[in-house]
Amino acid sequence: MYSEFPQEICVRLNFRAEIAHVILMAKENRFIPQCEILIGDGISGSFVDAEYRVGGIGEQITNVPKQINTFGIGSYVKVVFTKQPSKTVKNPGGQVGLSLLRIWGQPLGYNKGLVNEAHPLQGQTETVDKVLIELGIPLNNIKWTNEDPENYSYAPVDEDTRLTLIDMEKLKDKAHQTEDYEMLNQITKDLKIVYDLGNEILNLKRELEIASAREDFNTAIEIRNRLKQLEQERDRFDALYETSRFEDMIVMARPTTAQRRLAKKLEDDERERLAALKRQKEKEAEEERLRRLREEEERERLKREEEERRRRQQQQTNVKTVKKKQFSTVKQEKTVEVARDPLEYNEGDDDIDPYLTPKLIEAGGKVIDLENSVLKRALTSGTLLVTGVKLWSALHSESWRHRDAASRAFLEYLQAPLKPKYIGKTRKLFKAAIDVAQEAC
């Protein structure tokens, strides 16, 4: 319906009747937010001439049958849709749809057809509730205890629970015939529990439809989770009593050709996935092996460089023999130990030279030597033997390029692998780093 609301549907009865209740069900995605049931009374004329009054009001009608209690006498029933549902993706026009309309009542007059009918007893229990339902008594007013299998067909529970209840009632009758009173005691208690579960499941399904129609998805999630818990608890009773629903759950039909093809495809996909995973692991293992090999080669190279540096340092610090020629008849050799001045060159220059020289060449210019007084102060504190004379002079240069080159060279030296002489003895290195940082700032 694309016109404005309210909209209405009018049903004409073939006789004047007392109407007890109406059952409505909406179409999928076309739920009815609110409607009014009007009962019109008129002996002659059309539905326009009849006088109507409100017999009942229904709200939130979804694709689950809903009973609306009414009270009135008449020959016309008018369903008025008072509110338009909200527009959604599945219902862009905001339409309502009615898929089921059932009217319960009894005709009035001399030809109403009431006769005395005898209802046989079943299981020593009268089917009073069934008679009341046929007379139009609302379902919610029936006390659902000690029901026979026939009456469970009308119980306000979901369809799956209804099947479970009927099967359990059959087991109860069988236990009664065999005088298995222990079984009767237990199954009577379980019947009430299963009925309560089915009633709650039915109510939750209706609430889920309403929440989905209102787009209240947080509530819908909670209801769905609760439904799963109740259905699992109900299925536990199916497994306990081995009902027909339980047999349907455990029966496995022979797979079709399409199912076998799908299973083979899934198996091939899984095999390919495992093969790809194996290749990936082998590739990662090979990369790890190459990485370790490169690290080992790097350690060997650094070790060789360290040994070569030590050898050169040992040669530089060795005692030098100076032969002095005596202008005499006998040539006398005299050994003189010559030690290198640490204010000119020391072991710190050997350590930092591979890092400093390329950067000074890049910076350009010549580094001017410092005064001995400045170098002596650095030598006294121990910093000069770590940084070397050349780097300490570059730090005090007037050219900012030299100072920057010296700072970056010492930073790379600190980031390089620790020299063996500093392992466990990093105090001098730490103090020198502080002095260099202070000078660089």
Protein backbone atom coordinates (compact mmCIF):
# COMPACT_ATOMS: atom_id res chain seq x y z
CA MET A 1 0.00 0.00 0.00
CA TYR A 2 1.56 3.27 -1.11
CA SER A 3 -1.30 5.50 0.03
CA GLU A 4 -1.49 7.25 3.35
CA PHE A 5 -2.42 5.49 6.53
CA PRO A 6 -4.73 4.37 8.06
CA GLN A 7 -5.72 1.57 5.66
CA GLU A 8 -8.42 -1.02 6.22
CA ILE A 9 -9.71 -4.42 5.12
CA CYS A 10 -13.37 -5.40 5.58
CA VAL A 11 -14.64 -9.01 5.75
CA ARG A 12 -18.36 -9.83 5.41
CA LEU A 13 -19.67 -12.92 7.21
CA ASN A 14 -22.52 -15.03 5.85
CA PHE A 15 -24.31 -14.81 9.19
CA ARG A 16 -24.45 -12.78 12.34
CA ALA A 17 -21.89 -14.19 14.79
CA GLU A 18 -20.39 -13.71 18.21
CA ILE A 19 -16.68 -13.16 17.58
CA ALA A 20 -14.25 -14.39 20.28
CA HIS A 21 -10.78 -13.71 18.87
CA VAL A 22 -8.89 -13.11 15.64
CA ILE A 23 -5.55 -14.58 14.54
CA LEU A 24 -3.36 -12.38 12.31
CA MET A 25 0.00 -12.99 10.66
CA ALA A 26 2.00 -10.51 8.59
CA LYS A 27 4.14 -11.17 5.54
CA GLU A 28 7.91 -11.36 5.65
CA ASN A 29 9.50 -7.89 6.01
CA ARG A 30 6.01 -6.31 6.00
CA PHE A 31 5.21 -6.35 9.71
CA ILE A 32 2.18 -4.53 11.14
CA PRO A 33 3.05 -2.09 13.96
CA GLN A 34 -0.55 -1.56 15.11
CA CYS A 35 -4.05 -2.42 14.00
CA GLU A 36 -7.61 -2.23 15.32
CA ILE A 37 -10.28 -4.92 14.96
CA LEU A 38 -13.68 -3.28 14.37
CA ILE A 39 -16.89 -5.33 14.52
CA GLY A 40 -19.84 -4.01 12.50
CA ASP A 41 -23.47 -5.01 13.07
CA GLY A 42 -25.99 -4.60 10.30
CA ILE A 43 -28.82 -6.83 9.13
CA SER A 44 -29.28 -5.25 5.73
CA GLY A 45 -27.24 -3.00 3.51
CA SER A 46 -23.51 -2.91 2.77
CA PHE A 47 -20.55 -2.65 5.12
CA VAL A 48 -20.72 1.13 4.75
CA ASP A 49 -24.13 1.26 6.46
CA ALA A 50 -23.10 -0.93 9.41
CA GLU A 51 -22.18 0.52 12.77
CA TYR A 52 -18.68 -0.40 13.92
CA ARG A 53 -17.07 -0.43 17.31
CA VAL A 54 -13.58 -1.42 18.46
CA GLY A 55 -13.45 -5.08 19.43
CA GLY A 56 -9.69 -5.43 19.96
CA ILE A 57 -6.27 -3.89 19.30
CA GLY A 58 -3.16 -5.69 18.02
CA GLU A 59 0.46 -4.50 18.11
CA GLN A 60 3.73 -5.66 16.59
CA ILE A 61 2.35 -8.39 14.33
CA THR A 62 5.12 -10.27 12.51
CA ASN A 63 5.31 -13.41 10.39
CA VAL A 64 4.38 -15.45 13.47
CA PRO A 65 0.62 -15.96 14.09
CA LYS A 66 -0.66 -13.70 16.85
CA GLN A 67 -4.01 -13.98 18.60
CA ILE A 68 -6.04 -10.85 19.38
CA ASN A 69 -8.87 -11.24 21.87
CA THR A 70 -12.12 -9.57 20.79
CA PHE A 71 -15.66 -9.39 22.04
CA GLY A 72 -18.61 -8.38 19.94
CA ILE A 73 -21.53 -9.44 17.78
CA GLY A 74 -21.88 -8.54 14.14
CA SER A 75 -21.69 -9.63 10.53
CA TYR A 76 -18.70 -7.49 9.45
CA VAL A 77 -15.08 -7.56 10.65
CA LYS A 78 -12.88 -4.63 9.67
CA VAL A 79 -9.09 -4.65 10.20
CA VAL A 80 -7.76 -1.08 10.32
CA PHE A 81 -3.98 -0.55 9.99
CA THR A 82 -3.54 2.64 12.00
CA LYS A 83 0.25 3.09 11.79
CA GLN A 84 2.69 2.82 8.92
CA PRO A 85 5.84 0.75 9.58
CA SER A 86 9.22 2.44 9.32
CA LYS A 87 10.94 2.27 5.94
CA THR A 88 13.85 -0.16 5.71
CA VAL A 89 16.08 -1.58 3.00
CA LYS A 90 13.79 -4.59 2.61
CA ASN A 91 10.64 -2.45 2.90
CA PRO A 92 11.47 0.84 1.15
CA GLY A 93 7.80 1.78 0.69
CA GLY A 94 6.82 1.31 4.33
CA GLN A 95 4.14 -1.24 3.38
CA VAL A 96 2.15 -3.69 5.50
CA GLY A 97 1.31 -7.21 4.37
CA LEU A 98 -1.33 -9.59 5.72
CA SER A 99 -0.75 -13.29 5.03
CA LEU A 100 -3.21 -14.86 7.48
CA LEU A 101 -6.60 -13.82 8.92
CA ARG A 102 -8.66 -16.26 10.98
CA ILE A 103 -11.85 -15.33 12.80
CA TRP A 104 -13.03 -17.45 15.72
CA GLY A 105 -16.60 -17.29 16.98
CA GLN A 106 -20.02 -18.91 16.82
CA PRO A 107 -23.08 -18.08 14.74
CA LEU A 108 -26.26 -16.71 16.29
CA GLY A 109 -29.84 -17.60 15.39
CA TYR A 110 -32.09 -20.65 15.01
CA ASN A 111 -29.75 -22.24 12.44
CA LYS A 112 -26.55 -22.01 14.46
CA GLY A 113 -26.19 -25.80 14.28
CA LEU A 114 -25.34 -26.58 17.91
CA VAL A 115 -25.79 -30.25 18.73
CA ASN A 116 -24.76 -32.40 21.67
CA GLU A 117 -21.57 -34.22 20.89
CA ALA A 118 -19.90 -36.80 23.13
CA HIS A 119 -16.15 -36.61 23.49
CA PRO A 120 -14.53 -39.93 24.37
CA LEU A 121 -12.11 -40.06 27.28
CA GLN A 122 -8.43 -40.43 26.45
CA GLY A 123 -6.06 -41.64 29.10
CA GLN A 124 -8.67 -41.16 31.86
CA THR A 125 -8.59 -37.37 31.19
CA GLU A 126 -11.36 -35.27 29.62
CA THR A 127 -10.44 -33.09 26.66
CA VAL A 128 -12.09 -30.06 28.17
CA ASP A 129 -9.38 -27.70 27.01
CA LYS A 130 -9.83 -28.79 23.41
CA VAL A 131 -13.55 -28.12 23.61
CA LEU A 132 -12.89 -24.71 25.14
CA ILE A 133 -10.49 -23.86 22.33
CA GLU A 134 -13.09 -24.83 19.74
CA LEU A 135 -15.57 -22.54 21.52
CA GLY A 136 -13.14 -19.61 21.18
CA ILE A 137 -11.43 -19.48 24.59
CA PRO A 138 -8.05 -17.68 24.19
CA LEU A 139 -5.03 -19.93 24.21
CA ASN A 140 -3.32 -18.04 27.03
CA ASN A 141 -6.22 -18.81 29.38
CA ILE A 142 -5.80 -22.58 29.09
CA LYS A 143 -3.95 -24.38 31.90
CA TRP A 144 -1.55 -26.64 30.05
CA THR A 145 -1.07 -29.43 32.57
CA ASN A 146 -1.86 -33.11 32.16
CA GLU A 147 -2.44 -32.61 28.43
CA ASP A 148 -3.01 -35.47 26.06
CA PRO A 149 -1.13 -35.71 22.74
CA GLU A 150 -4.03 -34.18 20.85
CA ASN A 151 -4.05 -31.02 22.96
CA TYR A 152 -0.32 -30.48 22.57
CA SER A 153 -1.13 -29.63 18.96
CA TYR A 154 -2.66 -26.40 20.26
CA ALA A 155 -0.11 -25.59 22.97
CA PRO A 156 1.58 -22.17 22.72
CA VAL A 157 5.05 -23.57 21.98
CA ASP A 158 7.28 -23.60 18.92
CA GLU A 159 6.87 -26.38 16.37
CA ASP A 160 10.04 -28.31 17.27
CA THR A 161 9.12 -28.39 20.95
CA ARG A 162 5.59 -29.47 20.01
CA LEU A 163 7.00 -32.60 18.33
CA THR A 164 9.15 -33.30 21.38
CA LEU A 165 6.15 -32.97 23.71
CA ILE A 166 4.01 -35.31 21.62
CA ASP A 167 6.74 -37.98 21.54
CA MET A 168 7.32 -37.64 25.29
CA GLU A 169 3.57 -37.98 25.93
CA LYS A 170 3.57 -41.21 23.93
CA LEU A 171 6.41 -42.50 26.07
CA LYS A 172 4.42 -41.50 29.15
CA ASP A 173 1.39 -43.52 27.98
CA LYS A 174 3.64 -46.49 27.26
CA ALA A 175 5.18 -46.25 30.74
CA HIS A 176 1.66 -46.07 32.22
CA GLN A 177 0.67 -49.26 30.43
CA THR A 178 3.77 -51.09 31.66
CA GLU A 179 3.37 -49.66 35.19
CA ASP A 180 6.83 -48.11 35.06
CA TYR A 181 6.10 -45.54 37.76
CA GLU A 182 9.72 -44.43 38.08
CA MET A 183 9.63 -43.49 34.42
CA LEU A 184 6.26 -41.80 34.88
CA ASN A 185 7.55 -39.73 37.77
CA GLN A 186 10.55 -38.48 35.80
CA ILE A 187 8.84 -37.89 32.46
CA THR A 188 5.98 -35.96 34.10
CA LYS A 189 8.49 -33.50 35.56
CA ASP A 190 10.38 -33.27 32.28
CA LEU A 191 7.18 -32.62 30.32
CA LYS A 192 6.54 -29.49 32.35
CA ILE A 193 10.15 -28.38 31.90
CA VAL A 194 10.04 -28.93 28.12
CA TYR A 195 6.72 -27.13 27.88
CA ASP A 196 8.14 -24.11 29.72
CA LEU A 197 11.15 -24.18 27.40
CA GLY A 198 8.94 -24.30 24.30
CA ASN A 199 6.74 -21.48 25.55
CA GLU A 200 9.76 -19.30 26.26
CA ILE A 201 11.28 -20.15 22.86
CA LEU A 202 8.04 -19.13 21.12
CA ASN A 203 7.91 -15.82 23.00
CA LEU A 204 11.58 -15.12 22.29
CA LYS A 205 11.09 -15.80 18.59
CA ARG A 206 8.28 -13.25 18.51
CA GLU A 207 10.44 -10.75 20.39
CA LEU A 208 13.27 -11.43 17.94
CA GLU A 209 11.01 -10.63 14.99
CA ILE A 210 9.92 -7.40 16.67
CA ALA A 211 13.51 -6.40 17.53
CA SER A 212 14.63 -7.15 13.97
CA ALA A 213 11.76 -5.13 12.53
CA ARG A 214 12.63 -2.22 14.83
CA GLU A 215 16.33 -2.60 13.89
CA ASP A 216 17.21 -2.97 17.58
CA PHE A 217 20.11 -5.28 16.81
CA ASN A 218 21.67 -5.25 20.29
CA THR A 219 18.47 -6.69 21.73
CA ALA A 220 18.26 -9.11 18.79
CA ILE A 221 21.76 -10.43 19.58
CA GLU A 222 20.85 -11.06 23.22
CA ILE A 223 17.60 -12.80 22.24
CA ARG A 224 19.39 -14.96 19.65
CA ASN A 225 21.99 -16.11 22.19
CA ARG A 226 19.27 -16.91 24.72
CA LEU A 227 17.36 -18.86 22.05
CA LYS A 228 20.42 -20.98 21.31
CA GLN A 229 20.79 -21.85 24.99
CA LEU A 230 17.12 -22.85 25.32
CA GLU A 231 17.20 -24.92 22.13
CA GLN A 232 20.31 -26.76 23.30
CA GLU A 233 18.60 -27.52 26.61
CA ARG A 234 15.52 -28.79 24.76
CA ASP A 235 17.67 -30.94 22.46
CA ARG A 236 19.14 -32.53 25.58
CA PHE A 237 15.68 -33.91 26.40
CA ASP A 238 15.34 -35.13 22.79
CA ALA A 239 18.57 -37.08 23.20
CA LEU A 240 17.52 -38.37 26.63
CA TYR A 241 14.18 -39.78 25.42
CA GLU A 242 15.35 -40.51 21.83
CA THR A 243 12.47 -38.67 20.19
CA SER A 244 11.82 -38.48 16.46
CA ARG A 245 13.62 -35.14 16.35
CA PHE A 246 16.70 -36.78 17.82
CA GLU A 247 16.53 -39.53 15.19
CA ASP A 248 16.32 -36.90 12.46
CA MET A 249 19.36 -35.17 13.91
CA ILE A 250 21.53 -38.28 13.93
CA VAL A 251 20.39 -39.77 10.62
CA MET A 252 23.03 -39.22 7.96
CA ALA A 253 21.80 -39.56 4.39
CA ARG A 254 24.08 -40.85 1.65
CA PRO A 255 26.00 -37.98 0.07
CA THR A 256 24.98 -36.86 -3.38
CA THR A 257 27.32 -36.48 -6.34
CA ALA A 258 27.47 -32.72 -5.80
CA GLN A 259 28.31 -33.22 -2.13
CA ARG A 260 31.08 -35.69 -3.00
CA ARG A 261 32.50 -33.25 -5.54
CA LEU A 262 32.37 -30.47 -2.98
CA ALA A 263 34.10 -32.69 -0.40
CA LYS A 264 36.80 -33.61 -2.93
CA LYS A 265 37.29 -29.95 -3.81
CA LEU A 266 37.59 -29.04 -0.15
CA GLU A 267 40.08 -31.87 0.35
CA ASP A 268 42.15 -30.69 -2.64
CA ASP A 269 42.07 -27.12 -1.36
CA GLU A 270 43.22 -28.30 2.07
CA ARG A 271 46.02 -30.34 0.49
CA GLU A 272 47.16 -27.33 -1.56
CA ARG A 273 47.02 -25.14 1.52
CA LEU A 274 49.17 -27.58 3.49
CA ALA A 275 51.64 -27.84 0.60
CA ALA A 276 51.86 -24.05 0.36
CA LEU A 277 52.35 -23.86 4.12
CA LYS A 278 55.13 -26.45 3.91
CA ARG A 279 56.86 -24.51 1.11
CA GLN A 280 56.54 -21.32 3.13
CA LYS A 281 58.14 -22.98 6.16
CA GLU A 282 60.97 -24.36 4.02
CA LYS A 283 61.54 -20.91 2.54
CA GLU A 284 61.62 -19.33 5.98
CA ALA A 285 64.05 -22.02 7.20
CA GLU A 286 66.34 -21.37 4.22
CA GLU A 287 66.23 -17.62 4.83
CA GLU A 288 67.05 -18.22 8.50
CA ARG A 289 70.00 -20.43 7.53
CA LEU A 290 71.35 -17.80 5.12
CA ARG A 291 70.92 -15.10 7.76
CA ARG A 292 72.87 -17.11 10.30
CA LEU A 293 75.56 -17.80 7.69
CA ARG A 294 75.88 -14.07 6.95
CA GLU A 295 76.06 -13.30 10.66
CA GLU A 296 78.80 -15.91 11.10
CA GLU A 297 80.76 -14.45 8.17
CA GLU A 298 80.35 -10.97 9.62
CA ARG A 299 81.63 -12.14 13.01
CA GLU A 300 84.64 -13.79 11.34
CA ARG A 301 85.39 -10.61 9.40
CA LEU A 302 85.19 -8.46 12.52
CA LYS A 303 87.40 -10.94 14.35
CA ARG A 304 90.03 -10.80 11.59
CA GLU A 305 89.90 -7.00 11.56
CA GLU A 306 90.31 -6.92 15.33
CA GLU A 307 93.32 -9.26 15.15
CA GLU A 308 94.87 -7.17 12.38
CA ARG A 309 94.33 -3.99 14.39
CA ARG A 310 95.94 -5.54 17.44
CA ARG A 311 98.87 -6.69 15.35
CA ARG A 312 99.42 -3.20 13.95
CA GLN A 313 99.06 -1.67 17.41
CA GLN A 314 101.58 -4.14 18.78
CA GLN A 315 104.02 -3.26 16.04
CA GLN A 316 103.58 0.45 16.74
CA THR A 317 104.11 0.10 20.48
CA ASN A 318 107.03 -2.31 20.25
CA VAL A 319 110.39 -1.23 21.33
CA LYS A 320 112.31 0.31 18.44
CA THR A 321 115.94 -0.38 18.16
CA VAL A 322 118.00 2.56 17.04
CA LYS A 323 121.42 1.87 15.89
CA LYS A 324 123.77 4.67 16.54
CA LYS A 325 127.01 4.53 14.71
CA GLN A 326 130.01 5.46 16.67
CA PHE A 327 132.86 6.97 14.70
CA SER A 328 135.26 4.62 16.25
CA THR A 329 137.08 1.54 15.33
CA VAL A 330 134.50 -0.59 17.06
CA LYS A 331 130.86 -0.15 16.07
CA GLN A 332 128.60 -0.35 19.09
CA GLU A 333 124.91 -0.96 18.86
CA LYS A 334 122.69 0.72 21.39
CA THR A 335 119.05 -0.04 21.85
CA VAL A 336 116.80 2.80 22.74
CA GLU A 337 113.21 2.36 23.63
CA VAL A 338 111.11 4.96 21.89
CA ALA A 339 107.52 5.25 23.08
CA ARG A 340 104.92 7.18 21.07
CA ASP A 341 103.53 10.37 22.63
CA PRO A 342 99.78 9.86 23.49
CA LEU A 343 99.19 13.58 22.86
CA GLU A 344 100.05 12.99 19.20
CA TYR A 345 98.61 9.55 18.49
CA ASN A 346 97.20 6.78 20.65
CA GLU A 347 95.09 3.63 20.48
CA GLY A 348 91.87 5.66 20.37
CA ASP A 349 92.91 6.97 16.94
CA ASP A 350 93.29 3.38 15.73
CA ASP A 351 89.83 2.45 16.97
CA ILE A 352 87.93 5.44 15.54
CA ASP A 353 89.96 6.03 12.38
CA PRO A 354 87.73 3.75 10.16
CA TYR A 355 84.70 5.82 11.18
CA LEU A 356 86.25 9.30 11.33
CA THR A 357 88.46 9.53 8.24
CA PRO A 358 85.67 9.07 5.62
CA LYS A 359 83.54 11.71 7.27
CA LEU A 360 86.39 14.24 7.55
CA ILE A 361 87.15 13.71 3.86
CA GLU A 362 83.49 14.33 3.12
CA ALA A 363 83.50 17.47 5.28
CA GLY A 364 86.66 18.84 3.64
CA GLY A 365 89.30 21.10 5.10
CA LYS A 366 92.09 20.37 7.52
CA VAL A 367 91.64 19.80 11.22
CA ILE A 368 93.93 22.06 13.27
CA ASP A 369 95.77 20.40 16.15
CA LEU A 370 94.71 21.38 19.64
CA GLU A 371 96.90 22.91 22.26
CA ASN A 372 98.69 20.51 24.56
CA SER A 373 96.95 21.94 27.61
CA VAL A 374 93.52 20.93 26.25
CA LEU A 375 94.79 17.51 25.24
CA LYS A 376 96.41 16.96 28.64
CA ARG A 377 93.12 17.62 30.41
CA ALA A 378 91.40 15.03 28.18
CA LEU A 379 94.29 12.62 28.75
CA THR A 380 94.06 13.05 32.52
CA SER A 381 90.33 12.20 32.49
CA GLY A 382 90.96 9.20 30.23
CA THR A 383 88.76 10.45 27.41
CA LEU A 384 91.65 11.06 25.00
CA LEU A 385 92.70 7.39 25.02
CA VAL A 386 89.16 6.43 23.98
CA THR A 387 88.39 9.10 21.36
CA GLY A 388 91.88 9.64 19.98
CA VAL A 389 93.67 12.93 19.32
CA LYS A 390 92.22 13.42 15.86
CA LEU A 391 88.56 13.12 16.89
CA TRP A 392 89.04 15.29 19.99
CA SER A 393 90.68 17.97 17.84
CA ALA A 394 87.82 17.78 15.32
CA LEU A 395 85.30 18.28 18.13
CA HIS A 396 87.06 21.56 19.07
CA SER A 397 87.40 22.74 15.46
CA GLU A 398 85.96 26.09 14.43
CA SER A 399 84.27 24.43 11.43
CA TRP A 400 80.86 23.01 12.20
CA ARG A 401 81.38 20.40 9.48
CA HIS A 402 84.33 18.95 11.40
CA ARG A 403 82.37 18.92 14.64
CA ASP A 404 79.41 17.23 12.96
CA ALA A 405 81.67 14.63 11.31
CA ALA A 406 83.35 13.85 14.64
CA SER A 407 80.00 13.47 16.44
CA ARG A 408 78.57 11.14 13.81
CA ALA A 409 81.78 9.09 13.68
CA PHE A 410 81.78 8.55 17.45
CA LEU A 411 78.06 7.64 17.34
CA GLU A 412 78.73 4.95 14.72
CA TYR A 413 81.64 3.71 16.82
CA LEU A 414 79.31 3.31 19.80
CA GLN A 415 76.73 1.50 17.66
CA ALA A 416 79.33 -0.92 16.28
CA PRO A 417 80.11 -4.22 18.09
CA LEU A 418 81.86 -3.62 21.41
CA LYS A 419 85.63 -3.96 21.39
CA PRO A 420 86.97 -6.88 23.43
CA LYS A 421 88.96 -4.53 25.68
CA TYR A 422 85.72 -2.83 26.77
CA ILE A 423 83.78 -6.01 27.54
CA GLY A 424 83.04 -5.79 31.24
CA LYS A 425 84.99 -2.50 31.43
CA THR A 426 82.76 0.13 29.87
CA ARG A 427 83.30 2.84 32.45
CA LYS A 428 85.89 4.75 30.39
CA LEU A 429 83.80 4.35 27.24
CA PHE A 430 80.69 5.65 29.01
CA LYS A 431 82.57 8.66 30.44
CA ALA A 432 84.07 9.43 27.04
CA ALA A 433 80.60 9.30 25.47
CA ILE A 434 79.38 11.86 28.03
CA ASP A 435 82.36 14.18 27.33
CA VAL A 436 81.84 13.91 23.55
CA ALA A 437 78.12 14.66 23.95
CA GLN A 438 78.90 17.74 26.07
CA GLU A 439 81.43 19.03 23.53
CA ALA A 440 79.08 18.33 20.60
CA CYS A 441 76.28 20.30 22.23
